[in-house]
Amino acid sequence: MQGGTPDAAARRDPALLGLFAAVALLLAAVGIYGVMSYSVSQRTHEIEIRLSLGASRAAVLTMVIGQGMSLALAGSAAGIGGALLISRMMRGMLYGVQPADPITFAGVATGLGLVALLATYVPARRATWIDPMTALKYE
């Protein structure tokens, strides 16, 4: 028999599935960070204009983070909905975990939400500390 005993295969399959899930979560986190960071960095000029017109740094930072987190919340809702549908189809491959494990769903959504928060905060914070007069020079 190739691949060992059936017990070895039964132990290997969940571990392999867990490894692929961890890699998928890492890729999702990197993708979310890249897209959110790029989106905010594209708005740097807009942020500078708002600051030069008198908006406070805190108000601009709150606005940018709020818009980014609303996108992250919508993505999390869509992702949880899709995961609920797919987990029902994968019921036979899950060992020791319920298809709709709320702790897992909440943990993943919270982790990716924190990544989105960091991805919006860092470039927005950087943009709010640029001298607003620089933005007016280019207008």
N, C-alpha and C. Protein backbone atom coordinates (compact mmCIF):
# COMPACT_ATOMS: atom_id res chain seq x y z
N MET A 1 0.85 -1.18 0.00
CA MET A 1 0.00 0.00 0.00
C MET A 1 0.89 1.24 0.00
N GLN A 2 0.67 2.12 -0.90
CA GLN A 2 1.47 3.33 -1.03
C GLN A 2 0.99 4.39 -0.04
N GLY A 3 1.93 5.08 0.63
CA GLY A 3 1.56 6.17 1.50
C GLY A 3 1.34 5.77 2.95
N GLY A 4 1.51 4.49 3.30
CA GLY A 4 1.38 4.08 4.69
C GLY A 4 0.00 3.55 5.00
N THR A 5 -0.29 3.47 6.28
CA THR A 5 -1.54 2.90 6.75
C THR A 5 -2.67 3.92 6.61
N PRO A 6 -3.90 3.44 6.65
CA PRO A 6 -5.03 4.38 6.60
C PRO A 6 -5.03 5.37 7.75
N ASP A 7 -4.53 4.96 8.94
CA ASP A 7 -4.46 5.88 10.07
C ASP A 7 -3.48 7.02 9.78
N ALA A 8 -2.37 6.71 9.12
CA ALA A 8 -1.41 7.77 8.78
C ALA A 8 -2.03 8.76 7.81
N ALA A 9 -2.79 8.28 6.85
CA ALA A 9 -3.45 9.17 5.90
C ALA A 9 -4.51 10.01 6.60
N ALA A 10 -5.20 9.42 7.55
CA ALA A 10 -6.24 10.15 8.28
C ALA A 10 -5.64 11.27 9.13
N ARG A 11 -4.41 11.08 9.61
CA ARG A 11 -3.74 12.14 10.39
C ARG A 11 -3.11 13.18 9.49
N ARG A 12 -2.63 12.76 8.32
CA ARG A 12 -1.94 13.66 7.42
C ARG A 12 -2.89 14.61 6.72
N ASP A 13 -4.06 14.16 6.33
CA ASP A 13 -5.00 14.99 5.57
C ASP A 13 -5.43 16.24 6.33
N PRO A 14 -5.84 16.15 7.60
CA PRO A 14 -6.20 17.39 8.31
C PRO A 14 -5.02 18.33 8.50
N ALA A 15 -3.84 17.77 8.72
CA ALA A 15 -2.65 18.61 8.88
C ALA A 15 -2.35 19.35 7.59
N LEU A 16 -2.49 18.66 6.47
CA LEU A 16 -2.26 19.30 5.18
C LEU A 16 -3.32 20.36 4.90
N LEU A 17 -4.56 20.07 5.24
CA LEU A 17 -5.63 21.04 5.08
C LEU A 17 -5.38 22.27 5.97
N GLY A 18 -4.91 22.06 7.18
CA GLY A 18 -4.58 23.16 8.09
C GLY A 18 -3.44 24.01 7.56
N LEU A 19 -2.43 23.36 6.97
CA LEU A 19 -1.32 24.09 6.38
C LEU A 19 -1.79 24.96 5.22
N PHE A 20 -2.61 24.41 4.36
CA PHE A 20 -3.13 25.19 3.24
C PHE A 20 -4.01 26.34 3.74
N ALA A 21 -4.77 26.11 4.80
CA ALA A 21 -5.60 27.17 5.36
C ALA A 21 -4.73 28.29 5.93
N ALA A 22 -3.64 27.93 6.59
CA ALA A 22 -2.74 28.94 7.15
C ALA A 22 -2.07 29.75 6.04
N VAL A 23 -1.67 29.09 4.97
CA VAL A 23 -1.07 29.79 3.84
C VAL A 23 -2.10 30.72 3.18
N ALA A 24 -3.34 30.24 3.06
CA ALA A 24 -4.40 31.08 2.47
C ALA A 24 -4.67 32.29 3.35
N LEU A 25 -4.64 32.12 4.66
CA LEU A 25 -4.86 33.24 5.58
C LEU A 25 -3.72 34.25 5.47
N LEU A 26 -2.51 33.77 5.36
CA LEU A 26 -1.36 34.66 5.20
C LEU A 26 -1.45 35.43 3.88
N LEU A 27 -1.80 34.74 2.81
CA LEU A 27 -1.95 35.42 1.52
C LEU A 27 -3.08 36.44 1.55
N ALA A 28 -4.16 36.13 2.24
CA ALA A 28 -5.26 37.08 2.37
C ALA A 28 -4.81 38.31 3.15
N ALA A 29 -4.05 38.12 4.22
CA ALA A 29 -3.57 39.24 5.02
C ALA A 29 -2.63 40.13 4.20
N VAL A 30 -1.71 39.53 3.45
CA VAL A 30 -0.79 40.30 2.62
C VAL A 30 -1.56 41.05 1.53
N GLY A 31 -2.53 40.38 0.93
CA GLY A 31 -3.34 41.03 -0.11
C GLY A 31 -4.16 42.18 0.42
N ILE A 32 -4.79 41.99 1.57
CA ILE A 32 -5.57 43.07 2.17
C ILE A 32 -4.67 44.25 2.52
N TYR A 33 -3.52 43.97 3.11
CA TYR A 33 -2.60 45.05 3.47
C TYR A 33 -2.17 45.81 2.22
N GLY A 34 -1.83 45.09 1.17
CA GLY A 34 -1.36 45.74 -0.05
C GLY A 34 -2.43 46.61 -0.70
N VAL A 35 -3.63 46.10 -0.81
CA VAL A 35 -4.71 46.85 -1.46
C VAL A 35 -5.11 48.06 -0.62
N MET A 36 -5.28 47.87 0.68
CA MET A 36 -5.69 48.98 1.53
C MET A 36 -4.61 50.06 1.59
N SER A 37 -3.37 49.65 1.72
CA SER A 37 -2.27 50.60 1.78
C SER A 37 -2.15 51.37 0.48
N TYR A 38 -2.28 50.70 -0.64
CA TYR A 38 -2.22 51.36 -1.94
C TYR A 38 -3.36 52.35 -2.10
N SER A 39 -4.55 51.94 -1.68
CA SER A 39 -5.73 52.80 -1.78
C SER A 39 -5.54 54.09 -0.99
N VAL A 40 -5.03 53.98 0.22
CA VAL A 40 -4.82 55.17 1.04
C VAL A 40 -3.68 56.01 0.49
N SER A 41 -2.63 55.38 0.02
CA SER A 41 -1.50 56.16 -0.50
C SER A 41 -1.88 56.91 -1.78
N GLN A 42 -2.86 56.41 -2.53
CA GLN A 42 -3.33 57.13 -3.71
C GLN A 42 -4.10 58.39 -3.31
N ARG A 43 -4.58 58.44 -2.09
CA ARG A 43 -5.34 59.59 -1.61
C ARG A 43 -4.48 60.58 -0.86
N THR A 44 -3.17 60.42 -0.88
CA THR A 44 -2.27 61.30 -0.14
C THR A 44 -2.47 62.76 -0.54
N HIS A 45 -2.59 63.01 -1.83
CA HIS A 45 -2.76 64.39 -2.30
C HIS A 45 -4.08 64.97 -1.78
N GLU A 46 -5.14 64.17 -1.81
CA GLU A 46 -6.43 64.62 -1.28
C GLU A 46 -6.32 64.94 0.20
N ILE A 47 -5.62 64.10 0.93
CA ILE A 47 -5.43 64.32 2.36
C ILE A 47 -4.67 65.62 2.61
N GLU A 48 -3.64 65.86 1.82
CA GLU A 48 -2.87 67.09 1.96
C GLU A 48 -3.73 68.32 1.67
N ILE A 49 -4.58 68.25 0.65
CA ILE A 49 -5.47 69.36 0.32
C ILE A 49 -6.44 69.62 1.47
N ARG A 50 -7.02 68.56 2.03
CA ARG A 50 -7.94 68.73 3.15
C ARG A 50 -7.24 69.41 4.33
N LEU A 51 -6.01 69.00 4.60
CA LEU A 51 -5.27 69.60 5.70
C LEU A 51 -4.96 71.06 5.41
N SER A 52 -4.61 71.38 4.17
CA SER A 52 -4.29 72.77 3.84
C SER A 52 -5.52 73.67 3.89
N LEU A 53 -6.71 73.09 3.74
CA LEU A 53 -7.94 73.87 3.82
C LEU A 53 -8.46 74.00 5.25
N GLY A 54 -7.76 73.40 6.20
CA GLY A 54 -8.11 73.60 7.60
C GLY A 54 -8.64 72.40 8.35
N ALA A 55 -8.73 71.26 7.73
CA ALA A 55 -9.20 70.07 8.45
C ALA A 55 -8.15 69.65 9.47
N SER A 56 -8.60 69.17 10.60
CA SER A 56 -7.63 68.72 11.61
C SER A 56 -7.07 67.36 11.22
N ARG A 57 -5.87 67.10 11.71
CA ARG A 57 -5.23 65.81 11.41
C ARG A 57 -6.07 64.65 11.94
N ALA A 58 -6.63 64.82 13.12
CA ALA A 58 -7.43 63.76 13.73
C ALA A 58 -8.69 63.49 12.91
N ALA A 59 -9.32 64.55 12.41
CA ALA A 59 -10.54 64.37 11.61
C ALA A 59 -10.24 63.65 10.30
N VAL A 60 -9.13 64.01 9.66
CA VAL A 60 -8.76 63.36 8.40
C VAL A 60 -8.39 61.91 8.66
N LEU A 61 -7.63 61.67 9.70
CA LEU A 61 -7.23 60.30 10.03
C LEU A 61 -8.45 59.44 10.35
N THR A 62 -9.39 60.00 11.10
CA THR A 62 -10.63 59.28 11.43
C THR A 62 -11.44 58.98 10.17
N MET A 63 -11.51 59.94 9.25
CA MET A 63 -12.25 59.75 8.01
C MET A 63 -11.64 58.62 7.16
N VAL A 64 -10.34 58.65 7.01
CA VAL A 64 -9.68 57.65 6.17
C VAL A 64 -9.80 56.26 6.80
N ILE A 65 -9.59 56.17 8.09
CA ILE A 65 -9.70 54.87 8.77
C ILE A 65 -11.14 54.36 8.72
N GLY A 66 -12.10 55.26 8.92
CA GLY A 66 -13.51 54.86 8.86
C GLY A 66 -13.89 54.31 7.50
N GLN A 67 -13.43 54.97 6.43
CA GLN A 67 -13.74 54.48 5.09
C GLN A 67 -13.07 53.15 4.82
N GLY A 68 -11.83 53.01 5.26
CA GLY A 68 -11.13 51.74 5.07
C GLY A 68 -11.75 50.60 5.84
N MET A 69 -12.17 50.88 7.06
CA MET A 69 -12.77 49.83 7.88
C MET A 69 -14.17 49.46 7.40
N SER A 70 -14.88 50.40 6.78
CA SER A 70 -16.19 50.03 6.22
C SER A 70 -16.01 49.06 5.06
N LEU A 71 -14.96 49.25 4.27
CA LEU A 71 -14.66 48.28 3.21
C LEU A 71 -14.27 46.93 3.81
N ALA A 72 -13.48 46.96 4.86
CA ALA A 72 -13.06 45.71 5.51
C ALA A 72 -14.26 44.98 6.12
N LEU A 73 -15.19 45.72 6.69
CA LEU A 73 -16.39 45.11 7.27
C LEU A 73 -17.25 44.47 6.19
N ALA A 74 -17.41 45.15 5.07
CA ALA A 74 -18.18 44.58 3.97
C ALA A 74 -17.50 43.31 3.43
N GLY A 75 -16.18 43.35 3.32
CA GLY A 75 -15.45 42.17 2.87
C GLY A 75 -15.54 41.02 3.85
N SER A 76 -15.51 41.33 5.14
CA SER A 76 -15.65 40.28 6.15
C SER A 76 -17.02 39.64 6.10
N ALA A 77 -18.05 40.46 5.91
CA ALA A 77 -19.42 39.91 5.83
C ALA A 77 -19.55 38.99 4.61
N ALA A 78 -19.02 39.42 3.48
CA ALA A 78 -19.07 38.58 2.28
C ALA A 78 -18.24 37.31 2.47
N GLY A 79 -17.08 37.44 3.10
CA GLY A 79 -16.23 36.28 3.34
C GLY A 79 -16.85 35.28 4.29
N ILE A 80 -17.48 35.75 5.34
CA ILE A 80 -18.13 34.84 6.28
C ILE A 80 -19.30 34.14 5.61
N GLY A 81 -20.06 34.87 4.80
CA GLY A 81 -21.16 34.24 4.06
C GLY A 81 -20.66 33.15 3.12
N GLY A 82 -19.60 33.44 2.39
CA GLY A 82 -19.02 32.44 1.49
C GLY A 82 -18.45 31.26 2.24
N ALA A 83 -17.81 31.53 3.38
CA ALA A 83 -17.23 30.45 4.18
C ALA A 83 -18.32 29.54 4.74
N LEU A 84 -19.44 30.12 5.14
CA LEU A 84 -20.55 29.29 5.63
C LEU A 84 -21.06 28.35 4.54
N LEU A 85 -21.17 28.86 3.33
CA LEU A 85 -21.62 28.01 2.22
C LEU A 85 -20.61 26.91 1.89
N ILE A 86 -19.36 27.27 1.81
CA ILE A 86 -18.33 26.30 1.43
C ILE A 86 -18.10 25.28 2.54
N SER A 87 -18.17 25.71 3.80
CA SER A 87 -17.91 24.76 4.90
C SER A 87 -18.98 23.66 4.95
N ARG A 88 -20.17 23.95 4.51
CA ARG A 88 -21.21 22.92 4.46
C ARG A 88 -20.84 21.84 3.44
N MET A 89 -20.22 22.26 2.33
CA MET A 89 -19.81 21.28 1.32
C MET A 89 -18.60 20.47 1.79
N MET A 90 -17.80 21.04 2.69
CA MET A 90 -16.58 20.37 3.15
C MET A 90 -16.80 19.61 4.45
N ARG A 91 -18.02 19.39 4.83
CA ARG A 91 -18.34 18.74 6.11
C ARG A 91 -17.57 17.43 6.31
N GLY A 92 -17.43 16.63 5.27
CA GLY A 92 -16.75 15.35 5.38
C GLY A 92 -15.25 15.46 5.58
N MET A 93 -14.65 16.61 5.27
CA MET A 93 -13.21 16.79 5.41
C MET A 93 -12.82 17.40 6.75
N LEU A 94 -13.79 17.83 7.54
CA LEU A 94 -13.50 18.50 8.80
C LEU A 94 -13.48 17.48 9.93
N TYR A 95 -12.40 17.48 10.70
CA TYR A 95 -12.24 16.54 11.80
C TYR A 95 -12.17 17.32 13.10
N GLY A 96 -13.14 17.11 13.99
CA GLY A 96 -13.11 17.75 15.29
C GLY A 96 -13.52 19.21 15.27
N VAL A 97 -14.02 19.70 14.15
CA VAL A 97 -14.43 21.09 14.04
C VAL A 97 -15.80 21.11 13.40
N GLN A 98 -16.68 21.93 13.92
CA GLN A 98 -17.99 22.08 13.32
C GLN A 98 -17.87 22.93 12.06
N PRO A 99 -18.73 22.70 11.05
CA PRO A 99 -18.63 23.48 9.81
C PRO A 99 -18.81 24.98 10.02
N ALA A 100 -19.59 25.39 10.97
CA ALA A 100 -19.80 26.81 11.23
C ALA A 100 -19.24 27.16 12.60
N ASP A 101 -17.95 26.94 12.81
CA ASP A 101 -17.30 27.20 14.09
C ASP A 101 -17.19 28.71 14.31
N PRO A 102 -17.98 29.26 15.23
CA PRO A 102 -17.99 30.71 15.40
C PRO A 102 -16.67 31.28 15.91
N ILE A 103 -15.92 30.51 16.69
CA ILE A 103 -14.64 31.00 17.21
C ILE A 103 -13.65 31.16 16.07
N THR A 104 -13.62 30.21 15.16
CA THR A 104 -12.72 30.30 14.02
C THR A 104 -13.10 31.46 13.12
N PHE A 105 -14.37 31.59 12.81
CA PHE A 105 -14.83 32.69 11.95
C PHE A 105 -14.53 34.04 12.59
N ALA A 106 -14.80 34.17 13.88
CA ALA A 106 -14.55 35.44 14.57
C ALA A 106 -13.05 35.74 14.64
N GLY A 107 -12.26 34.72 14.88
CA GLY A 107 -10.81 34.92 14.95
C GLY A 107 -10.22 35.37 13.62
N VAL A 108 -10.63 34.74 12.56
CA VAL A 108 -10.12 35.10 11.23
C VAL A 108 -10.60 36.50 10.85
N ALA A 109 -11.88 36.80 11.08
CA ALA A 109 -12.40 38.12 10.75
C ALA A 109 -11.72 39.21 11.57
N THR A 110 -11.48 38.93 12.84
CA THR A 110 -10.79 39.91 13.70
C THR A 110 -9.35 40.12 13.24
N GLY A 111 -8.66 39.04 12.94
CA GLY A 111 -7.28 39.15 12.47
C GLY A 111 -7.16 39.95 11.18
N LEU A 112 -8.02 39.63 10.23
CA LEU A 112 -7.96 40.36 8.96
C LEU A 112 -8.44 41.80 9.13
N GLY A 113 -9.36 42.03 10.07
CA GLY A 113 -9.78 43.40 10.37
C GLY A 113 -8.64 44.22 10.96
N LEU A 114 -7.84 43.60 11.83
CA LEU A 114 -6.68 44.30 12.38
C LEU A 114 -5.64 44.61 11.30
N VAL A 115 -5.48 43.69 10.35
CA VAL A 115 -4.57 43.94 9.23
C VAL A 115 -5.08 45.13 8.42
N ALA A 116 -6.39 45.18 8.17
CA ALA A 116 -6.97 46.30 7.41
C ALA A 116 -6.81 47.60 8.18
N LEU A 117 -6.99 47.57 9.50
CA LEU A 117 -6.81 48.77 10.31
C LEU A 117 -5.38 49.28 10.22
N LEU A 118 -4.44 48.39 10.35
CA LEU A 118 -3.03 48.77 10.25
C LEU A 118 -2.71 49.30 8.85
N ALA A 119 -3.29 48.67 7.83
CA ALA A 119 -3.01 49.07 6.45
C ALA A 119 -3.60 50.44 6.13
N THR A 120 -4.65 50.84 6.79
CA THR A 120 -5.18 52.18 6.55
C THR A 120 -4.51 53.21 7.45
N TYR A 121 -4.17 52.81 8.66
CA TYR A 121 -3.61 53.75 9.62
C TYR A 121 -2.21 54.23 9.22
N VAL A 122 -1.35 53.31 8.84
CA VAL A 122 0.05 53.67 8.58
C VAL A 122 0.19 54.70 7.45
N PRO A 123 -0.37 54.46 6.25
CA PRO A 123 -0.20 55.49 5.21
C PRO A 123 -1.00 56.77 5.49
N ALA A 124 -2.14 56.65 6.16
CA ALA A 124 -2.92 57.85 6.49
C ALA A 124 -2.16 58.70 7.50
N ARG A 125 -1.56 58.06 8.47
CA ARG A 125 -0.77 58.80 9.47
C ARG A 125 0.42 59.49 8.80
N ARG A 126 1.07 58.78 7.88
CA ARG A 126 2.20 59.36 7.16
C ARG A 126 1.74 60.57 6.34
N ALA A 127 0.59 60.45 5.69
CA ALA A 127 0.09 61.55 4.84
C ALA A 127 -0.34 62.75 5.68
N THR A 128 -0.83 62.54 6.89
CA THR A 128 -1.27 63.69 7.69
C THR A 128 -0.10 64.47 8.27
N TRP A 129 1.09 63.92 8.27
CA TRP A 129 2.23 64.63 8.82
C TRP A 129 3.07 65.32 7.76
N ILE A 130 2.62 65.29 6.51
CA ILE A 130 3.29 66.03 5.45
C ILE A 130 2.84 67.48 5.54
N ASP A 131 3.72 68.40 5.26
CA ASP A 131 3.39 69.82 5.33
C ASP A 131 2.32 70.16 4.30
N PRO A 132 1.17 70.71 4.72
CA PRO A 132 0.10 71.03 3.79
C PRO A 132 0.50 72.05 2.72
N MET A 133 1.46 72.88 3.02
CA MET A 133 1.91 73.88 2.02
C MET A 133 2.55 73.20 0.82
N THR A 134 3.10 72.03 1.01
CA THR A 134 3.66 71.27 -0.11
C THR A 134 2.58 70.92 -1.10
N ALA A 135 1.40 70.56 -0.62
CA ALA A 135 0.29 70.21 -1.50
C ALA A 135 -0.16 71.41 -2.32
N LEU A 136 -0.14 72.59 -1.69
CA LEU A 136 -0.59 73.79 -2.41
C LEU A 136 0.40 74.21 -3.49
N LYS A 137 1.66 73.88 -3.32
CA LYS A 137 2.66 74.22 -4.34
C LYS A 137 2.38 73.53 -5.67
N TYR A 138 1.83 72.31 -5.58
CA TYR A 138 1.60 71.52 -6.80
C TYR A 138 0.26 71.78 -7.41
N GLU A 139 -0.59 72.60 -6.79
CA GLU A 139 -1.92 72.88 -7.34
C GLU A 139 -1.90 74.06 -8.25
